[in-house]
PDB file of N, CA and C in Angstrom:
ATOM      1  N   MET A   1    -108.067  27.145-145.920  1.00  0.00           N
ATOM      2  CA  MET A   1    -108.688  28.423-145.666  1.00  0.00           C
ATOM      3  C   MET A   1    -107.797  29.206-144.705  1.00  0.00           C
ATOM      4  N   ARG A   2    -107.699  30.460-144.945  1.00  0.00           N
ATOM      5  CA  ARG A   2    -106.897  31.319-144.078  1.00  0.00           C
ATOM      6  C   ARG A   2    -107.526  31.430-142.696  1.00  0.00           C
ATOM      7  N   ARG A   3    -106.677  31.533-141.694  1.00  0.00           N
ATOM      8  CA  ARG A   3    -107.184  31.750-140.337  1.00  0.00           C
ATOM      9  C   ARG A   3    -107.852  33.115-140.251  1.00  0.00           C
ATOM     10  N   SER A   4    -108.752  33.242-139.312  1.00  0.00           N
ATOM     11  CA  SER A   4    -109.430  34.516-139.125  1.00  0.00           C
ATOM     12  C   SER A   4    -108.502  35.523-138.447  1.00  0.00           C
ATOM     13  N   MET A   5    -108.828  36.804-138.621  1.00  0.00           N
ATOM     14  CA  MET A   5    -108.072  37.881-137.978  1.00  0.00           C
ATOM     15  C   MET A   5    -108.788  38.270-136.696  1.00  0.00           C
ATOM     16  N   ARG A   6    -108.073  38.255-135.596  1.00  0.00           N
ATOM     17  CA  ARG A   6    -108.661  38.679-134.322  1.00  0.00           C
ATOM     18  C   ARG A   6    -108.821  40.190-134.310  1.00  0.00           C
ATOM     19  N   LEU A   7    -109.965  40.647-133.820  1.00  0.00           N
ATOM     20  CA  LEU A   7    -110.240  42.079-133.784  1.00  0.00           C
ATOM     21  C   LEU A   7    -109.761  42.738-132.505  1.00  0.00           C
ATOM     22  N   SER A   8    -109.412  41.927-131.506  1.00  0.00           N
ATOM     23  CA  SER A   8    -108.859  42.464-130.266  1.00  0.00           C
ATOM     24  C   SER A   8    -107.868  41.463-129.695  1.00  0.00           C
ATOM     25  N   ASP A   9    -107.058  41.935-128.771  1.00  0.00           N
ATOM     26  CA  ASP A   9    -106.067  41.080-128.121  1.00  0.00           C
ATOM     27  C   ASP A   9    -106.772  40.085-127.203  1.00  0.00           C
ATOM     28  N   VAL A  10    -106.371  38.830-127.245  1.00  0.00           N
ATOM     29  CA  VAL A  10    -107.020  37.787-126.447  1.00  0.00           C
ATOM     30  C   VAL A  10    -106.847  38.036-124.956  1.00  0.00           C
ATOM     31  N   VAL A  11    -105.678  38.484-124.537  1.00  0.00           N
ATOM     32  CA  VAL A  11    -105.386  38.667-123.113  1.00  0.00           C
ATOM     33  C   VAL A  11    -105.938  39.985-122.585  1.00  0.00           C
ATOM     34  N   THR A  12    -105.614  41.084-123.256  1.00  0.00           N
ATOM     35  CA  THR A  12    -106.010  42.403-122.754  1.00  0.00           C
ATOM     36  C   THR A  12    -107.379  42.853-123.245  1.00  0.00           C
ATOM     37  N   GLU A  13    -107.892  42.229-124.307  1.00  0.00           N
ATOM     38  CA  GLU A  13    -109.143  42.593-124.972  1.00  0.00           C
ATOM     39  C   GLU A  13    -109.098  43.995-125.580  1.00  0.00           C
ATOM     40  N   ARG A  14    -107.876  44.550-125.740  1.00  0.00           N
ATOM     41  CA  ARG A  14    -107.715  45.850-126.390  1.00  0.00           C
ATOM     42  C   ARG A  14    -108.024  45.712-127.880  1.00  0.00           C
ATOM     43  N   MET A  15    -108.876  46.599-128.387  1.00  0.00           N
ATOM     44  CA  MET A  15    -109.257  46.572-129.799  1.00  0.00           C
ATOM     45  C   MET A  15    -108.029  46.797-130.678  1.00  0.00           C
ATOM     46  N   GLU A  16    -107.886  45.999-131.728  1.00  0.00           N
ATOM     47  CA  GLU A  16    -106.770  46.145-132.648  1.00  0.00           C
ATOM     48  C   GLU A  16    -107.209  46.729-133.982  1.00  0.00           C
ATOM     49  N   PHE A  17    -108.501  46.991-134.118  1.00  0.00           N
ATOM     50  CA  PHE A  17    -109.047  47.622-135.311  1.00  0.00           C
ATOM     51  C   PHE A  17    -109.959  48.754-134.861  1.00  0.00           C
ATOM     52  N   ASN A  18    -110.136  49.725-135.710  1.00  0.00           N
ATOM     53  CA  ASN A  18    -111.016  50.850-135.424  1.00  0.00           C
ATOM     54  C   ASN A  18    -112.444  50.342-135.230  1.00  0.00           C
ATOM     55  N   PRO A  19    -113.111  50.717-134.119  1.00  0.00           N
ATOM     56  CA  PRO A  19    -114.495  50.263-133.874  1.00  0.00           C
ATOM     57  C   PRO A  19    -115.459  50.625-135.008  1.00  0.00           C
ATOM     58  N   ALA A  20    -115.234  51.752-135.680  1.00  0.00           N
ATOM     59  CA  ALA A  20    -116.100  52.137-136.802  1.00  0.00           C
ATOM     60  C   ALA A  20    -115.956  51.136-137.952  1.00  0.00           C
ATOM     61  N   LEU A  21    -114.738  50.675-138.212  1.00  0.00           N
ATOM     62  CA  LEU A  21    -114.516  49.676-139.254  1.00  0.00           C
ATOM     63  C   LEU A  21    -115.209  48.365-138.875  1.00  0.00           C
ATOM     64  N   ILE A  22    -115.071  47.962-137.625  1.00  0.00           N
ATOM     65  CA  ILE A  22    -115.699  46.721-137.169  1.00  0.00           C
ATOM     66  C   ILE A  22    -117.210  46.788-137.342  1.00  0.00           C
ATOM     67  N   ASP A  23    -117.804  47.939-137.015  1.00  0.00           N
ATOM     68  CA  ASP A  23    -119.244  48.114-137.190  1.00  0.00           C
ATOM     69  C   ASP A  23    -119.625  48.005-138.665  1.00  0.00           C
ATOM     70  N   ARG A  24    -118.817  48.559-139.538  1.00  0.00           N
ATOM     71  CA  ARG A  24    -119.094  48.487-140.977  1.00  0.00           C
ATOM     72  C   ARG A  24    -118.991  47.048-141.486  1.00  0.00           C
ATOM     73  N   VAL A  25    -118.047  46.282-140.947  1.00  0.00           N
ATOM     74  CA  VAL A  25    -117.919  44.869-141.318  1.00  0.00           C
ATOM     75  C   VAL A  25    -119.144  44.100-140.824  1.00  0.00           C
ATOM     76  N   ARG A  26    -119.590  44.366-139.607  1.00  0.00           N
ATOM     77  CA  ARG A  26    -120.794  43.715-139.058  1.00  0.00           C
ATOM     78  C   ARG A  26    -122.008  43.964-139.936  1.00  0.00           C
ATOM     79  N   ARG A  27    -122.109  45.167-140.491  1.00  0.00           N
ATOM     80  CA  ARG A  27    -123.259  45.533-141.325  1.00  0.00           C
ATOM     81  C   ARG A  27    -123.096  45.074-142.770  1.00  0.00           C
ATOM     82  N   MET A  28    -122.047  44.264-143.026  1.00  0.00           N
ATOM     83  CA  MET A  28    -121.806  43.638-144.331  1.00  0.00           C
ATOM     84  C   MET A  28    -121.525  44.657-145.432  1.00  0.00           C
ATOM     85  N   GLU A  29    -120.920  45.781-145.062  1.00  0.00           N
ATOM     86  CA  GLU A  29    -120.618  46.811-146.050  1.00  0.00           C
ATOM     87  C   GLU A  29    -119.555  46.352-147.043  1.00  0.00           C
ATOM     88  N   PHE A  30    -118.647  45.506-146.590  1.00  0.00           N
ATOM     89  CA  PHE A  30    -117.556  45.030-147.437  1.00  0.00           C
ATOM     90  C   PHE A  30    -117.797  43.568-147.799  1.00  0.00           C
ATOM     91  N   PRO A  31    -118.095  43.259-149.058  1.00  0.00           N
ATOM     92  CA  PRO A  31    -118.392  41.872-149.416  1.00  0.00           C
ATOM     93  C   PRO A  31    -117.210  40.920-149.233  1.00  0.00           C
ATOM     94  N   GLU A  32    -116.002  41.449-149.147  1.00  0.00           N
ATOM     95  CA  GLU A  32    -114.831  40.584-148.979  1.00  0.00           C
ATOM     96  C   GLU A  32    -114.558  40.216-147.521  1.00  0.00           C
ATOM     97  N   LEU A  33    -115.304  40.809-146.577  1.00  0.00           N
ATOM     98  CA  LEU A  33    -115.073  40.550-145.152  1.00  0.00           C
ATOM     99  C   LEU A  33    -116.300  39.929-144.487  1.00  0.00           C
ATOM    100  N   VAL A  34    -116.051  38.980-143.582  1.00  0.00           N
ATOM    101  CA  VAL A  34    -117.115  38.332-142.816  1.00  0.00           C
ATOM    102  C   VAL A  34    -116.813  38.523-141.339  1.00  0.00           C
ATOM    103  N   PHE A  35    -117.774  39.039-140.588  1.00  0.00           N
ATOM    104  CA  PHE A  35    -117.621  39.201-139.148  1.00  0.00           C
ATOM    105  C   PHE A  35    -117.889  37.865-138.466  1.00  0.00           C
ATOM    106  N   LEU A  36    -117.016  37.478-137.547  1.00  0.00           N
ATOM    107  CA  LEU A  36    -117.160  36.234-136.789  1.00  0.00           C
ATOM    108  C   LEU A  36    -117.243  36.590-135.304  1.00  0.00           C
ATOM    109  N   PRO A  37    -118.426  36.459-134.692  1.00  0.00           N
ATOM    110  CA  PRO A  37    -118.558  36.842-133.283  1.00  0.00           C
ATOM    111  C   PRO A  37    -117.845  35.867-132.350  1.00  0.00           C
ATOM    112  N   LYS A  38    -117.456  36.377-131.201  1.00  0.00           N
ATOM    113  CA  LYS A  38    -116.820  35.569-130.160  1.00  0.00           C
ATOM    114  C   LYS A  38    -117.744  34.418-129.773  1.00  0.00           C
ATOM    115  N   ARG A  39    -117.180  33.225-129.653  1.00  0.00           N
ATOM    116  CA  ARG A  39    -117.930  32.049-129.230  1.00  0.00           C
ATOM    117  C   ARG A  39    -117.079  31.267-128.245  1.00  0.00           C
ATOM    118  N   SER A  40    -117.601  31.046-127.068  1.00  0.00           N
ATOM    119  CA  SER A  40    -116.880  30.304-126.042  1.00  0.00           C
ATOM    120  C   SER A  40    -116.479  28.928-126.567  1.00  0.00           C
ATOM    121  N   GLY A  41    -115.201  28.602-126.404  1.00  0.00           N
ATOM    122  CA  GLY A  41    -114.702  27.313-126.851  1.00  0.00           C
ATOM    123  C   GLY A  41    -114.358  27.250-128.320  1.00  0.00           C
ATOM    124  N   PHE A  42    -114.640  28.305-129.070  1.00  0.00           N
ATOM    125  CA  PHE A  42    -114.344  28.302-130.500  1.00  0.00           C
ATOM    126  C   PHE A  42    -113.522  29.527-130.881  1.00  0.00           C
ATOM    127  N   LEU A  43    -114.087  30.712-130.736  1.00  0.00           N
ATOM    128  CA  LEU A  43    -113.352  31.956-130.994  1.00  0.00           C
ATOM    129  C   LEU A  43    -113.246  32.713-129.674  1.00  0.00           C
ATOM    130  N   GLU A  44    -112.032  33.039-129.293  1.00  0.00           N
ATOM    131  CA  GLU A  44    -111.810  33.712-128.011  1.00  0.00           C
ATOM    132  C   GLU A  44    -112.222  35.180-128.028  1.00  0.00           C
ATOM    133  N   VAL A  45    -112.151  35.807-129.187  1.00  0.00           N
ATOM    134  CA  VAL A  45    -112.536  37.209-129.358  1.00  0.00           C
ATOM    135  C   VAL A  45    -113.246  37.354-130.699  1.00  0.00           C
ATOM    136  N   ASP A  46    -113.975  38.468-130.888  1.00  0.00           N
ATOM    137  CA  ASP A  46    -114.560  38.746-132.195  1.00  0.00           C
ATOM    138  C   ASP A  46    -113.454  38.735-133.235  1.00  0.00           C
ATOM    139  N   SER A  47    -113.776  38.233-134.418  1.00  0.00           N
ATOM    140  CA  SER A  47    -112.781  38.110-135.483  1.00  0.00           C
ATOM    141  C   SER A  47    -113.432  38.434-136.811  1.00  0.00           C
ATOM    142  N   MET A  48    -112.613  38.485-137.861  1.00  0.00           N
ATOM    143  CA  MET A  48    -113.159  38.614-139.204  1.00  0.00           C
ATOM    144  C   MET A  48    -112.341  37.757-140.160  1.00  0.00           C
ATOM    145  N   LEU A  49    -112.992  37.390-141.252  1.00  0.00           N
ATOM    146  CA  LEU A  49    -112.398  36.526-142.254  1.00  0.00           C
ATOM    147  C   LEU A  49    -112.412  37.258-143.583  1.00  0.00           C
ATOM    148  N   ARG A  50    -111.309  37.162-144.326  1.00  0.00           N
ATOM    149  CA  ARG A  50    -111.239  37.779-145.650  1.00  0.00           C
ATOM    150  C   ARG A  50    -111.552  36.742-146.707  1.00  0.00           C
ATOM    151  N   LEU A  51    -112.681  36.896-147.395  1.00  0.00           N
ATOM    152  CA  LEU A  51    -113.052  35.959-148.448  1.00  0.00           C
ATOM    153  C   LEU A  51    -112.167  36.112-149.678  1.00  0.00           C
ATOM    154  N   ASP A  52    -111.641  37.306-149.901  1.00  0.00           N
ATOM    155  CA  ASP A  52    -110.815  37.520-151.093  1.00  0.00           C
ATOM    156  C   ASP A  52    -109.424  36.908-150.964  1.00  0.00           C
ATOM    157  N   GLU A  53    -109.094  36.378-149.805  1.00  0.00           N
ATOM    158  CA  GLU A  53    -107.806  35.701-149.622  1.00  0.00           C
ATOM    159  C   GLU A  53    -107.999  34.228-149.270  1.00  0.00           C
ATOM    160  N   MET A  54    -109.196  33.714-149.487  1.00  0.00           N
ATOM    161  CA  MET A  54    -109.488  32.335-149.147  1.00  0.00           C
ATOM    162  C   MET A  54    -108.837  31.396-150.157  1.00  0.00           C
ATOM    163  N   GLN A  55    -108.296  30.302-149.639  1.00  0.00           N
ATOM    164  CA  GLN A  55    -107.744  29.269-150.503  1.00  0.00           C
ATOM    165  C   GLN A  55    -107.869  27.919-149.818  1.00  0.00           C
ATOM    166  N   SER A  56    -107.931  26.903-150.624  1.00  0.00           N
ATOM    167  CA  SER A  56    -108.023  25.550-150.100  1.00  0.00           C
ATOM    168  C   SER A  56    -106.614  25.043-149.795  1.00  0.00           C
ATOM    169  N   VAL A  57    -106.446  24.490-148.613  1.00  0.00           N
ATOM    170  CA  VAL A  57    -105.134  23.994-148.195  1.00  0.00           C
ATOM    171  C   VAL A  57    -105.325  22.620-147.570  1.00  0.00           C
ATOM    172  N   PHE A  58    -104.560  21.634-148.035  1.00  0.00           N
ATOM    173  CA  PHE A  58    -104.628  20.285-147.478  1.00  0.00           C
ATOM    174  C   PHE A  58    -103.748  20.211-146.241  1.00  0.00           C
ATOM    175  N   ARG A  59    -104.350  19.856-145.129  1.00  0.00           N
ATOM    176  CA  ARG A  59    -103.631  19.716-143.864  1.00  0.00           C
ATOM    177  C   ARG A  59    -103.984  18.355-143.267  1.00  0.00           C
ATOM    178  N   PRO A  60    -103.185  17.324-143.515  1.00  0.00           N
ATOM    179  CA  PRO A  60    -103.540  15.975-143.047  1.00  0.00           C
ATOM    180  C   PRO A  60    -103.532  15.817-141.528  1.00  0.00           C
ATOM    181  N   HIS A  61    -102.902  16.737-140.816  1.00  0.00           N
ATOM    182  CA  HIS A  61    -102.825  16.611-139.364  1.00  0.00           C
ATOM    183  C   HIS A  61    -104.023  17.225-138.635  1.00  0.00           C
ATOM    184  N   LEU A  62    -104.918  17.871-139.363  1.00  0.00           N
ATOM    185  CA  LEU A  62    -106.073  18.501-138.728  1.00  0.00           C
ATOM    186  C   LEU A  62    -107.174  17.479-138.467  1.00  0.00           C
ATOM    187  N   GLU A  63    -107.888  17.666-137.375  1.00  0.00           N
ATOM    188  CA  GLU A  63    -109.019  16.807-137.038  1.00  0.00           C
ATOM    189  C   GLU A  63    -110.313  17.546-137.339  1.00  0.00           C
ATOM    190  N   ALA A  64    -111.274  16.825-137.863  1.00  0.00           N
ATOM    191  CA  ALA A  64    -112.594  17.412-138.094  1.00  0.00           C
ATOM    192  C   ALA A  64    -113.267  17.667-136.749  1.00  0.00           C
ATOM    193  N   ILE A  65    -114.012  18.751-136.678  1.00  0.00           N
ATOM    194  CA  ILE A  65    -114.753  19.060-135.453  1.00  0.00           C
ATOM    195  C   ILE A  65    -116.244  19.117-135.797  1.00  0.00           C
ATOM    196  N   PRO A  66    -117.111  18.806-134.851  1.00  0.00           N
ATOM    197  CA  PRO A  66    -118.548  18.728-135.139  1.00  0.00           C
ATOM    198  C   PRO A  66    -119.232  20.095-135.152  1.00  0.00           C
ATOM    199  N   LEU A  67    -118.754  21.006-135.989  1.00  0.00           N
ATOM    200  CA  LEU A  67    -119.368  22.326-136.110  1.00  0.00           C
ATOM    201  C   LEU A  67    -119.766  22.563-137.559  1.00  0.00           C
ATOM    202  N   ALA A  68    -120.877  23.235-137.748  1.00  0.00           N
ATOM    203  CA  ALA A  68    -121.321  23.569-139.094  1.00  0.00           C
ATOM    204  C   ALA A  68    -122.202  24.811-139.028  1.00  0.00           C
ATOM    205  N   LEU A  69    -122.241  25.541-140.125  1.00  0.00           N
ATOM    206  CA  LEU A  69    -123.142  26.678-140.230  1.00  0.00           C
ATOM    207  C   LEU A  69    -124.548  26.167-140.506  1.00  0.00           C
ATOM    208  N   SER A  70    -125.532  26.937-140.086  1.00  0.00           N
ATOM    209  CA  SER A  70    -126.913  26.583-140.408  1.00  0.00           C
ATOM    210  C   SER A  70    -127.113  26.707-141.917  1.00  0.00           C
ATOM    211  N   GLU A  71    -128.160  26.089-142.423  1.00  0.00           N
ATOM    212  CA  GLU A  71    -128.449  26.170-143.866  1.00  0.00           C
ATOM    213  C   GLU A  71    -128.624  27.622-144.313  1.00  0.00           C
ATOM    214  N   GLU A  72    -129.329  28.410-143.485  1.00  0.00           N
ATOM    215  CA  GLU A  72    -129.562  29.818-143.822  1.00  0.00           C
ATOM    216  C   GLU A  72    -128.242  30.582-143.927  1.00  0.00           C
ATOM    217  N   LEU A  73    -127.342  30.381-142.953  1.00  0.00           N
ATOM    218  CA  LEU A  73    -126.046  31.064-143.003  1.00  0.00           C
ATOM    219  C   LEU A  73    -125.192  30.578-144.156  1.00  0.00           C
ATOM    220  N   CYS A  74    -125.243  29.277-144.453  1.00  0.00           N
ATOM    221  CA  CYS A  74    -124.496  28.745-145.603  1.00  0.00           C
ATOM    222  C   CYS A  74    -124.964  29.398-146.902  1.00  0.00           C
ATOM    223  N   GLU A  75    -126.273  29.559-147.036  1.00  0.00           N
ATOM    224  CA  GLU A  75    -126.823  30.179-148.243  1.00  0.00           C
ATOM    225  C   GLU A  75    -126.350  31.632-148.368  1.00  0.00           C
ATOM    226  N   ILE A  76    -126.403  32.372-147.272  1.00  0.00           N
ATOM    227  CA  ILE A  76    -125.960  33.771-147.301  1.00  0.00           C
ATOM    228  C   ILE A  76    -124.470  33.850-147.639  1.00  0.00           C
ATOM    229  N   LEU A  77    -123.656  32.999-147.023  1.00  0.00           N
ATOM    230  CA  LEU A  77    -122.224  33.008-147.292  1.00  0.00           C
ATOM    231  C   LEU A  77    -121.917  32.630-148.744  1.00  0.00           C
ATOM    232  N   ARG A  78    -122.636  31.638-149.283  1.00  0.00           N
ATOM    233  CA  ARG A  78    -122.453  31.267-150.701  1.00  0.00           C
ATOM    234  C   ARG A  78    -122.756  32.446-151.607  1.00  0.00           C
ATOM    235  N   HIS A  79    -123.861  33.140-151.322  1.00  0.00           N
ATOM    236  CA  HIS A  79    -124.245  34.290-152.144  1.00  0.00           C
ATOM    237  C   HIS A  79    -123.283  35.466-151.942  1.00  0.00           C
ATOM    238  N   GLN A  80    -122.750  35.624-150.735  1.00  0.00           N
ATOM    239  CA  GLN A  80    -121.762  36.674-150.494  1.00  0.00           C
ATOM    240  C   GLN A  80    -120.516  36.414-151.335  1.00  0.00           C
ATOM    241  N   PHE A  81    -120.049  35.175-151.333  1.00  0.00           N
ATOM    242  CA  PHE A  81    -118.877  34.821-152.123  1.00  0.00           C
ATOM    243  C   PHE A  81    -119.158  35.010-153.619  1.00  0.00           C
ATOM    244  N   GLN A  82    -120.352  34.610-154.064  1.00  0.00           N
ATOM    245  CA  GLN A  82    -120.739  34.795-155.465  1.00  0.00           C
ATOM    246  C   GLN A  82    -120.787  36.281-155.818  1.00  0.00           C
ATOM    247  N   PHE A  83    -121.346  37.107-154.930  1.00  0.00           N
ATOM    248  CA  PHE A  83    -121.413  38.551-155.168  1.00  0.00           C
ATOM    249  C   PHE A  83    -120.012  39.148-155.250  1.00  0.00           C
ATOM    250  N   LEU A  84    -119.117  38.690-154.383  1.00  0.00           N
ATOM    251  CA  LEU A  84    -117.737  39.176-154.389  1.00  0.00           C
ATOM    252  C   LEU A  84    -117.066  38.888-155.732  1.00  0.00           C
ATOM    253  N   ILE A  85    -117.298  37.706-156.283  1.00  0.00           N
ATOM    254  CA  ILE A  85    -116.651  37.303-157.535  1.00  0.00           C
ATOM    255  C   ILE A  85    -117.334  37.890-158.761  1.00  0.00           C
ATOM    256  N   THR A  86    -118.677  37.869-158.780  1.00  0.00           N
ATOM    257  CA  THR A  86    -119.404  38.244-159.999  1.00  0.00           C
ATOM    258  C   THR A  86    -120.118  39.589-159.921  1.00  0.00           C
ATOM    259  N   GLY A  87    -120.403  40.072-158.698  1.00  0.00           N
ATOM    260  CA  GLY A  87    -121.178  41.299-158.548  1.00  0.00           C
ATOM    261  C   GLY A  87    -122.657  41.090-158.823  1.00  0.00           C
ATOM    262  N   ARG A  88    -123.072  39.826-158.978  1.00  0.00           N
ATOM    263  CA  ARG A  88    -124.461  39.521-159.325  1.00  0.00           C
ATOM    264  C   ARG A  88    -125.385  39.716-158.124  1.00  0.00           C
ATOM    265  N   ALA A  89    -126.512  40.340-158.380  1.00  0.00           N
ATOM    266  CA  ALA A  89    -127.529  40.580-157.356  1.00  0.00           C
ATOM    267  C   ALA A  89    -128.878  40.574-158.063  1.00  0.00           C
ATOM    268  N   PRO A  90    -130.003  40.508-157.434  1.00  0.00           N
ATOM    269  CA  PRO A  90    -130.194  40.361-155.998  1.00  0.00           C
ATOM    270  C   PRO A  90    -129.994  38.908-155.548  1.00  0.00           C
ATOM    271  N   SER A  91    -129.800  38.770-154.261  1.00  0.00           N
ATOM    272  CA  SER A  91    -129.630  37.454-153.649  1.00  0.00           C
ATOM    273  C   SER A  91    -129.941  37.593-152.159  1.00  0.00           C
ATOM    274  N   PRO A  92    -130.033  36.484-151.436  1.00  0.00           N
ATOM    275  CA  PRO A  92    -130.253  36.597-149.986  1.00  0.00           C
ATOM    276  C   PRO A  92    -129.177  37.448-149.309  1.00  0.00           C
ATOM    277  N   TYR A  93    -127.938  37.364-149.795  1.00  0.00           N
ATOM    278  CA  TYR A  93    -126.863  38.183-149.221  1.00  0.00           C
ATOM    279  C   TYR A  93    -127.117  39.666-149.472  1.00  0.00           C
ATOM    280  N   THR A  94    -127.393  40.044-150.710  1.00  0.00           N
ATOM    281  CA  THR A  94    -127.571  41.472-151.016  1.00  0.00           C
ATOM    282  C   THR A  94    -128.818  42.039-150.335  1.00  0.00           C
ATOM    283  N   GLU A  95    -129.853  41.229-150.191  1.00  0.00           N
ATOM    284  CA  GLU A  95    -131.060  41.693-149.495  1.00  0.00           C
ATOM    285  C   GLU A  95    -130.783  41.961-148.022  1.00  0.00           C
ATOM    286  N   LEU A  96    -130.062  41.035-147.365  1.00  0.00           N
ATOM    287  CA  LEU A  96    -129.709  41.225-145.963  1.00  0.00           C
ATOM    288  C   LEU A  96    -128.766  42.416-145.811  1.00  0.00           C
ATOM    289  N   ARG A  97    -127.820  42.542-146.718  1.00  0.00           N
ATOM    290  CA  ARG A  97    -126.846  43.648-146.675  1.00  0.00           C
ATOM    291  C   ARG A  97    -127.576  44.988-146.790  1.00  0.00           C
ATOM    292  N   GLU A  98    -128.498  45.090-147.728  1.00  0.00           N
ATOM    293  CA  GLU A  98    -129.248  46.351-147.899  1.00  0.00           C
ATOM    294  C   GLU A  98    -130.050  46.686-146.644  1.00  0.00           C
ATOM    295  N   MET A  99    -130.649  45.669-146.022  1.00  0.00           N
ATOM    296  CA  MET A  99    -131.415  45.890-144.803  1.00  0.00           C
ATOM    297  C   MET A  99    -130.500  46.402-143.689  1.00  0.00           C
ATOM    298  N   LEU A 100    -129.312  45.820-143.546  1.00  0.00           N
ATOM    299  CA  LEU A 100    -128.378  46.237-142.481  1.00  0.00           C
ATOM    300  C   LEU A 100    -127.764  47.619-142.739  1.00  0.00           C
ATOM    301  N   LEU A 101    -127.600  47.969-144.006  1.00  0.00           N
ATOM    302  CA  LEU A 101    -126.989  49.267-144.337  1.00  0.00           C
ATOM    303  C   LEU A 101    -127.991  50.416-144.303  1.00  0.00           C
ATOM    304  N   SER A 102    -129.292  50.104-144.330  1.00  0.00           N
ATOM    305  CA  SER A 102    -130.288  51.206-144.338  1.00  0.00           C
ATOM    306  C   SER A 102    -130.666  51.629-142.940  1.00  0.00           C
TER     307      SER A 102
END
């Protein structure tokens, strides 16, 4: 999987993307983008992930870490990826997206 894109500089915290674009990504306007909020010990700054550039990569030197998405978030992400590929709706992803965009 591709690494996430940082939305601001880690040291200076200067935004590297237009705040309006970041807000649109947060509201799930773009099915190919996922907003990843800052998390202490995991993500140093808010980031985003491009689903349309995702690929499986074997890295034998990586260690598994005890982190996982909740079932609800996994379901939304699965449906987001399905919507990106097929355009099929309605789904939990499209329902949440419509609520955030209205």
